Amino acid sequence: MTDAVSRAAELLKEHRESIDRLDAILVYTLGERFKHTQAVGKLKAAHDLPPSDPAREAKQIARLEDLADRADLDPDFAKKFLNFIIAEVIQHHKKHQE
């Protein structure tokens, strides 16, 4: 192997190790987030509140798009990601109300 290929292989390994650590952070962060949304769902069910809050959802999407823009992340991707999470949360909240 040439020095350039060896160095590229080492850089690839370092990037992948960072990606693996970041994936773990994402999973644990989502786990923590869903613990809180589960608590919110139970609270909403106990007080007969609707599982969805469109005004809050719109505010959160706008906030996330701004954060994504500042983080050099595609805001459309961030919006899709948050919409996916919101849909999951609403399904959990509906289950608590059943």
Protein backbone atom coordinates (compact mmCIF):
# COMPACT_ATOMS: atom_id res chain seq x y z
CA MET A 1 0.00 0.00 0.00
CA THR A 2 1.26 3.47 -0.79
CA ASP A 3 1.61 6.15 1.87
CA ALA A 4 -1.32 8.07 0.36
CA VAL A 5 -3.57 5.00 0.44
CA SER A 6 -2.50 4.16 4.00
CA ARG A 7 -3.21 7.71 5.14
CA ALA A 8 -6.60 7.65 3.39
CA ALA A 9 -7.43 4.36 5.13
CA GLU A 10 -6.47 5.87 8.51
CA LEU A 11 -8.57 8.98 7.87
CA LEU A 12 -11.51 6.81 6.83
CA LYS A 13 -11.18 4.81 10.05
CA GLU A 14 -11.11 8.03 12.13
CA HIS A 15 -14.19 9.42 10.37
CA ARG A 16 -16.07 6.17 10.88
CA GLU A 17 -15.16 6.08 14.57
CA SER A 18 -16.52 9.63 14.93
CA ILE A 19 -19.68 8.67 13.05
CA ASP A 20 -20.17 5.67 15.34
CA ARG A 21 -19.82 7.87 18.44
CA LEU A 22 -22.25 10.42 17.01
CA ASP A 23 -24.76 7.67 16.15
CA ALA A 24 -24.62 6.54 19.78
CA ILE A 25 -25.20 10.11 20.94
CA LEU A 26 -28.20 10.40 18.61
CA VAL A 27 -29.73 7.16 19.88
CA TYR A 28 -29.29 8.07 23.55
CA THR A 29 -30.57 11.60 22.88
CA LEU A 30 -33.66 10.27 21.12
CA GLY A 31 -34.21 7.84 23.97
CA GLU A 32 -34.12 10.70 26.47
CA ARG A 33 -36.38 12.83 24.27
CA PHE A 34 -38.96 10.06 24.01
CA LYS A 35 -38.96 9.55 27.80
CA HIS A 36 -40.11 13.16 28.09
CA THR A 37 -42.65 12.91 25.28
CA GLN A 38 -44.07 9.78 26.89
CA ALA A 39 -44.52 11.74 30.12
CA VAL A 40 -46.20 14.54 28.14
CA GLY A 41 -48.51 11.98 26.52
CA LYS A 42 -49.54 10.59 29.90
CA LEU A 43 -50.12 14.11 31.23
CA LYS A 44 -52.23 15.02 28.21
CA ALA A 45 -54.27 11.82 28.56
CA ALA A 46 -54.82 12.42 32.27
CA HIS A 47 -56.15 15.91 31.55
CA ASP A 48 -58.03 15.06 28.35
CA LEU A 49 -55.79 17.27 26.21
CA PRO A 50 -55.42 16.62 22.47
CA PRO A 51 -52.47 14.44 21.43
CA SER A 52 -51.39 17.00 18.84
CA ASP A 53 -50.50 20.68 19.28
CA PRO A 54 -50.20 22.14 15.75
CA ALA A 55 -49.10 25.59 16.99
CA ARG A 56 -46.23 24.12 19.02
CA GLU A 57 -45.30 21.78 16.20
CA ALA A 58 -45.08 24.68 13.73
CA LYS A 59 -42.98 26.68 16.20
CA GLN A 60 -40.64 23.72 16.74
CA ILE A 61 -40.25 23.14 13.00
CA ALA A 62 -39.34 26.78 12.44
CA ARG A 63 -36.89 26.62 15.36
CA LEU A 64 -35.28 23.45 14.04
CA GLU A 65 -34.99 24.87 10.53
CA ASP A 66 -33.15 27.87 11.98
CA LEU A 67 -30.86 25.64 14.04
CA ALA A 68 -30.19 23.47 11.00
CA ASP A 69 -29.30 26.50 8.94
CA ARG A 70 -26.84 27.67 11.60
CA ALA A 71 -25.39 24.15 11.86
CA ASP A 72 -24.89 23.93 8.10
CA LEU A 73 -27.48 21.16 7.86
CA ASP A 74 -30.09 21.09 5.12
CA PRO A 75 -33.19 22.70 6.71
CA ASP A 76 -35.49 20.52 4.59
CA PHE A 77 -33.83 17.41 5.99
CA ALA A 78 -34.17 18.78 9.53
CA LYS A 79 -37.85 19.50 8.91
CA LYS A 80 -38.45 15.96 7.59
CA PHE A 81 -36.62 14.51 10.58
CA LEU A 82 -38.65 16.53 13.09
CA ASN A 83 -41.91 15.73 11.27
CA PHE A 84 -41.05 12.04 11.57
CA ILE A 85 -40.40 12.41 15.30
CA ILE A 86 -43.59 14.45 15.80
CA ALA A 87 -45.65 11.78 14.01
CA GLU A 88 -44.19 9.11 16.32
CA VAL A 89 -44.87 11.21 19.40
CA ILE A 90 -48.49 11.83 18.37
CA GLN A 91 -48.99 8.08 17.88
CA HIS A 92 -47.62 7.48 21.39
CA HIS A 93 -49.91 10.17 22.81
CA LYS A 94 -52.93 8.60 21.09
CA LYS A 95 -52.06 5.23 22.65
CA HIS A 96 -52.04 6.83 26.10
CA GLN A 97 -55.54 8.16 25.48
CA GLU A 98 -56.96 4.75 24.56
